[in-house]
Amino acid sequence: MQKARKNGRKRIYSDPDDRYFRKHFNRLVRENGGQWIVLAEGKLVGIGKKKKLPGLIQKVHLNYPKATPFVAPIPTKEELECVL
């Protein structure tokens, strides 16, 4: 769930899944680049190849029935170097 907090005049939206992904991004790229991550309510559900996604998403629905799964590819170091 996104939460809004006021910072002066701006509203800053904060999502626990997005926070987790940003906080652990460097380690995820280093250790799991090229795979996919699935989060729910700011908690890691699993990391795996694309073919594992249906099972990981099912795990979210079973353990976090009200959550919308956060599913994202984890870039490789090489992919990030191309961006820079």
N, C-alpha and C. Protein backbone atom coordinates (compact mmCIF):
# COMPACT_ATOMS: atom_id res chain seq x y z
N MET A 1 0.83 -1.16 0.00
CA MET A 1 0.00 0.00 0.00
C MET A 1 0.89 1.24 0.00
N GLN A 2 0.55 2.18 -0.85
CA GLN A 2 1.31 3.42 -0.89
C GLN A 2 0.82 4.35 0.20
N LYS A 3 1.76 5.03 0.80
CA LYS A 3 1.42 6.02 1.81
C LYS A 3 1.94 7.36 1.34
N ALA A 4 1.17 8.40 1.60
CA ALA A 4 1.60 9.75 1.24
C ALA A 4 1.98 10.48 2.50
N ARG A 5 3.07 11.20 2.43
CA ARG A 5 3.43 12.07 3.54
C ARG A 5 3.82 13.41 2.96
N LYS A 6 3.53 14.42 3.68
CA LYS A 6 3.83 15.76 3.19
C LYS A 6 5.25 16.13 3.55
N ASN A 7 5.94 16.71 2.60
CA ASN A 7 7.29 17.21 2.78
C ASN A 7 7.26 18.64 2.26
N GLY A 8 6.92 19.58 3.15
CA GLY A 8 6.69 20.94 2.67
C GLY A 8 5.40 20.95 1.88
N ARG A 9 5.46 21.31 0.63
CA ARG A 9 4.28 21.33 -0.24
C ARG A 9 4.13 20.05 -1.06
N LYS A 10 5.19 19.29 -1.16
CA LYS A 10 5.16 18.07 -1.98
C LYS A 10 4.56 16.92 -1.19
N ARG A 11 3.94 16.02 -1.93
CA ARG A 11 3.51 14.76 -1.34
C ARG A 11 4.46 13.69 -1.85
N ILE A 12 5.00 12.93 -0.95
CA ILE A 12 5.93 11.87 -1.31
C ILE A 12 5.22 10.55 -1.07
N TYR A 13 5.11 9.75 -2.13
CA TYR A 13 4.46 8.45 -2.01
C TYR A 13 5.51 7.40 -1.72
N SER A 14 5.23 6.58 -0.76
CA SER A 14 6.17 5.57 -0.34
C SER A 14 5.50 4.20 -0.39
N ASP A 15 6.16 3.27 -1.04
CA ASP A 15 5.63 1.92 -1.17
C ASP A 15 6.65 0.95 -0.57
N PRO A 16 6.24 0.04 0.32
CA PRO A 16 7.20 -0.85 0.96
C PRO A 16 7.95 -1.75 -0.03
N ASP A 17 7.30 -2.17 -1.10
CA ASP A 17 7.98 -3.01 -2.08
C ASP A 17 9.05 -2.22 -2.83
N ASP A 18 8.70 -1.00 -3.20
CA ASP A 18 9.66 -0.13 -3.88
C ASP A 18 10.85 0.18 -2.96
N ARG A 19 10.57 0.45 -1.69
CA ARG A 19 11.65 0.70 -0.73
C ARG A 19 12.58 -0.49 -0.62
N TYR A 20 12.01 -1.70 -0.53
CA TYR A 20 12.84 -2.91 -0.44
C TYR A 20 13.73 -3.02 -1.68
N PHE A 21 13.14 -2.84 -2.85
CA PHE A 21 13.88 -3.00 -4.10
C PHE A 21 15.03 -1.98 -4.17
N ARG A 22 14.76 -0.74 -3.81
CA ARG A 22 15.81 0.29 -3.85
C ARG A 22 16.89 0.01 -2.81
N LYS A 23 16.50 -0.36 -1.61
CA LYS A 23 17.46 -0.60 -0.52
C LYS A 23 18.42 -1.74 -0.85
N HIS A 24 17.92 -2.78 -1.49
CA HIS A 24 18.72 -3.98 -1.75
C HIS A 24 19.21 -4.08 -3.20
N PHE A 25 19.00 -3.02 -3.97
CA PHE A 25 19.27 -3.06 -5.41
C PHE A 25 20.69 -3.52 -5.75
N ASN A 26 21.71 -2.93 -5.14
CA ASN A 26 23.09 -3.29 -5.48
C ASN A 26 23.38 -4.77 -5.22
N ARG A 27 22.92 -5.27 -4.08
CA ARG A 27 23.14 -6.69 -3.77
C ARG A 27 22.37 -7.58 -4.73
N LEU A 28 21.15 -7.18 -5.06
CA LEU A 28 20.34 -7.97 -6.00
C LEU A 28 21.03 -8.07 -7.35
N VAL A 29 21.55 -6.96 -7.85
CA VAL A 29 22.25 -6.96 -9.14
C VAL A 29 23.48 -7.86 -9.06
N ARG A 30 24.25 -7.71 -7.99
CA ARG A 30 25.48 -8.49 -7.82
C ARG A 30 25.21 -9.99 -7.71
N GLU A 31 24.20 -10.37 -6.94
CA GLU A 31 23.96 -11.78 -6.66
C GLU A 31 22.90 -12.44 -7.54
N ASN A 32 21.97 -11.65 -8.09
CA ASN A 32 20.84 -12.24 -8.80
C ASN A 32 20.51 -11.57 -10.12
N GLY A 33 21.47 -10.86 -10.68
CA GLY A 33 21.23 -10.18 -11.96
C GLY A 33 20.76 -11.17 -13.03
N GLY A 34 19.78 -10.75 -13.82
CA GLY A 34 19.24 -11.61 -14.86
C GLY A 34 18.05 -12.45 -14.42
N GLN A 35 17.73 -12.39 -13.13
CA GLN A 35 16.58 -13.12 -12.61
C GLN A 35 15.45 -12.13 -12.31
N TRP A 36 14.37 -12.63 -11.75
CA TRP A 36 13.21 -11.83 -11.41
C TRP A 36 12.99 -11.85 -9.91
N ILE A 37 12.47 -10.75 -9.36
CA ILE A 37 12.17 -10.66 -7.94
C ILE A 37 10.66 -10.50 -7.76
N VAL A 38 10.14 -11.12 -6.71
CA VAL A 38 8.73 -10.99 -6.35
C VAL A 38 8.66 -10.59 -4.89
N LEU A 39 7.97 -9.47 -4.64
CA LEU A 39 7.80 -8.94 -3.30
C LEU A 39 6.32 -8.77 -3.00
N ALA A 40 6.00 -8.75 -1.71
CA ALA A 40 4.63 -8.45 -1.28
C ALA A 40 4.71 -7.79 0.09
N GLU A 41 4.07 -6.66 0.23
CA GLU A 41 4.03 -5.93 1.50
C GLU A 41 5.42 -5.68 2.06
N GLY A 42 6.37 -5.41 1.17
CA GLY A 42 7.73 -5.10 1.60
C GLY A 42 8.56 -6.30 1.99
N LYS A 43 8.06 -7.49 1.70
CA LYS A 43 8.77 -8.72 2.07
C LYS A 43 9.14 -9.50 0.81
N LEU A 44 10.32 -10.09 0.83
CA LEU A 44 10.78 -10.90 -0.28
C LEU A 44 10.01 -12.22 -0.32
N VAL A 45 9.36 -12.48 -1.44
CA VAL A 45 8.64 -13.75 -1.63
C VAL A 45 9.56 -14.74 -2.32
N GLY A 46 10.33 -14.26 -3.31
CA GLY A 46 11.25 -15.15 -3.99
C GLY A 46 11.96 -14.46 -5.13
N ILE A 47 13.03 -15.12 -5.57
CA ILE A 47 13.83 -14.68 -6.72
C ILE A 47 14.06 -15.90 -7.58
N GLY A 48 13.90 -15.74 -8.89
CA GLY A 48 14.13 -16.88 -9.76
C GLY A 48 14.04 -16.50 -11.22
N LYS A 49 14.24 -17.50 -12.04
CA LYS A 49 14.11 -17.32 -13.49
C LYS A 49 12.66 -17.05 -13.84
N LYS A 50 12.42 -16.55 -15.03
CA LYS A 50 11.08 -16.16 -15.47
C LYS A 50 10.08 -17.32 -15.36
N LYS A 51 10.53 -18.53 -15.60
CA LYS A 51 9.60 -19.68 -15.56
C LYS A 51 9.10 -19.97 -14.14
N LYS A 52 9.77 -19.43 -13.10
CA LYS A 52 9.32 -19.62 -11.72
C LYS A 52 8.27 -18.60 -11.29
N LEU A 53 8.04 -17.57 -12.09
CA LEU A 53 7.13 -16.50 -11.70
C LEU A 53 5.72 -16.96 -11.34
N PRO A 54 5.09 -17.83 -12.13
CA PRO A 54 3.73 -18.23 -11.75
C PRO A 54 3.65 -18.83 -10.34
N GLY A 55 4.61 -19.64 -9.97
CA GLY A 55 4.62 -20.23 -8.63
C GLY A 55 4.86 -19.20 -7.55
N LEU A 56 5.75 -18.24 -7.82
CA LEU A 56 6.01 -17.19 -6.84
C LEU A 56 4.80 -16.27 -6.67
N ILE A 57 4.13 -15.97 -7.77
CA ILE A 57 2.93 -15.12 -7.70
C ILE A 57 1.82 -15.86 -6.95
N GLN A 58 1.71 -17.14 -7.18
CA GLN A 58 0.72 -17.95 -6.44
C GLN A 58 1.02 -17.91 -4.94
N LYS A 59 2.30 -17.96 -4.61
CA LYS A 59 2.72 -17.89 -3.21
C LYS A 59 2.29 -16.56 -2.58
N VAL A 60 2.37 -15.48 -3.35
CA VAL A 60 1.91 -14.17 -2.86
C VAL A 60 0.42 -14.24 -2.56
N HIS A 61 -0.36 -14.77 -3.52
CA HIS A 61 -1.81 -14.83 -3.34
C HIS A 61 -2.21 -15.69 -2.14
N LEU A 62 -1.45 -16.73 -1.86
CA LEU A 62 -1.75 -17.59 -0.71
C LEU A 62 -1.38 -16.93 0.61
N ASN A 63 -0.21 -16.28 0.65
CA ASN A 63 0.30 -15.74 1.91
C ASN A 63 -0.07 -14.28 2.15
N TYR A 64 -0.37 -13.54 1.10
CA TYR A 64 -0.72 -12.12 1.20
C TYR A 64 -1.94 -11.87 0.32
N PRO A 65 -3.11 -12.37 0.68
CA PRO A 65 -4.27 -12.33 -0.21
C PRO A 65 -4.72 -10.94 -0.63
N LYS A 66 -4.42 -9.92 0.14
CA LYS A 66 -4.85 -8.57 -0.21
C LYS A 66 -3.77 -7.78 -0.97
N ALA A 67 -2.60 -8.35 -1.09
CA ALA A 67 -1.47 -7.64 -1.71
C ALA A 67 -1.45 -7.81 -3.22
N THR A 68 -0.96 -6.79 -3.88
CA THR A 68 -0.65 -6.88 -5.31
C THR A 68 0.83 -7.21 -5.41
N PRO A 69 1.20 -8.31 -6.07
CA PRO A 69 2.62 -8.67 -6.13
C PRO A 69 3.44 -7.61 -6.87
N PHE A 70 4.63 -7.36 -6.36
CA PHE A 70 5.62 -6.53 -7.04
C PHE A 70 6.52 -7.51 -7.77
N VAL A 71 6.53 -7.44 -9.08
CA VAL A 71 7.32 -8.36 -9.91
C VAL A 71 8.20 -7.52 -10.83
N ALA A 72 9.52 -7.76 -10.79
CA ALA A 72 10.42 -6.95 -11.61
C ALA A 72 11.65 -7.76 -12.00
N PRO A 73 12.18 -7.49 -13.20
CA PRO A 73 13.45 -8.11 -13.57
C PRO A 73 14.58 -7.42 -12.81
N ILE A 74 15.58 -8.19 -12.46
CA ILE A 74 16.77 -7.64 -11.82
C ILE A 74 17.82 -7.50 -12.92
N PRO A 75 18.28 -6.29 -13.20
CA PRO A 75 19.25 -6.13 -14.28
C PRO A 75 20.60 -6.74 -13.92
N THR A 76 21.35 -7.06 -14.95
CA THR A 76 22.72 -7.53 -14.76
C THR A 76 23.65 -6.32 -14.69
N LYS A 77 24.87 -6.53 -14.20
CA LYS A 77 25.85 -5.44 -14.16
C LYS A 77 26.09 -4.88 -15.55
N GLU A 78 26.15 -5.76 -16.54
CA GLU A 78 26.41 -5.34 -17.92
C GLU A 78 25.27 -4.46 -18.45
N GLU A 79 24.05 -4.81 -18.11
CA GLU A 79 22.92 -4.01 -18.55
C GLU A 79 22.97 -2.61 -17.95
N LEU A 80 23.38 -2.52 -16.70
CA LEU A 80 23.49 -1.22 -16.05
C LEU A 80 24.62 -0.39 -16.65
N GLU A 81 25.72 -1.04 -17.01
CA GLU A 81 26.84 -0.32 -17.62
C GLU A 81 26.44 0.28 -18.95
N CYS A 82 25.58 -0.39 -19.69
CA CYS A 82 25.12 0.13 -20.98
C CYS A 82 24.29 1.39 -20.79
N VAL A 83 23.56 1.47 -19.70
CA VAL A 83 22.72 2.62 -19.42
C VAL A 83 23.60 3.83 -19.09
N LEU A 84 24.67 3.59 -18.38
CA LEU A 84 25.55 4.69 -17.99
C LEU A 84 26.41 5.06 -19.16
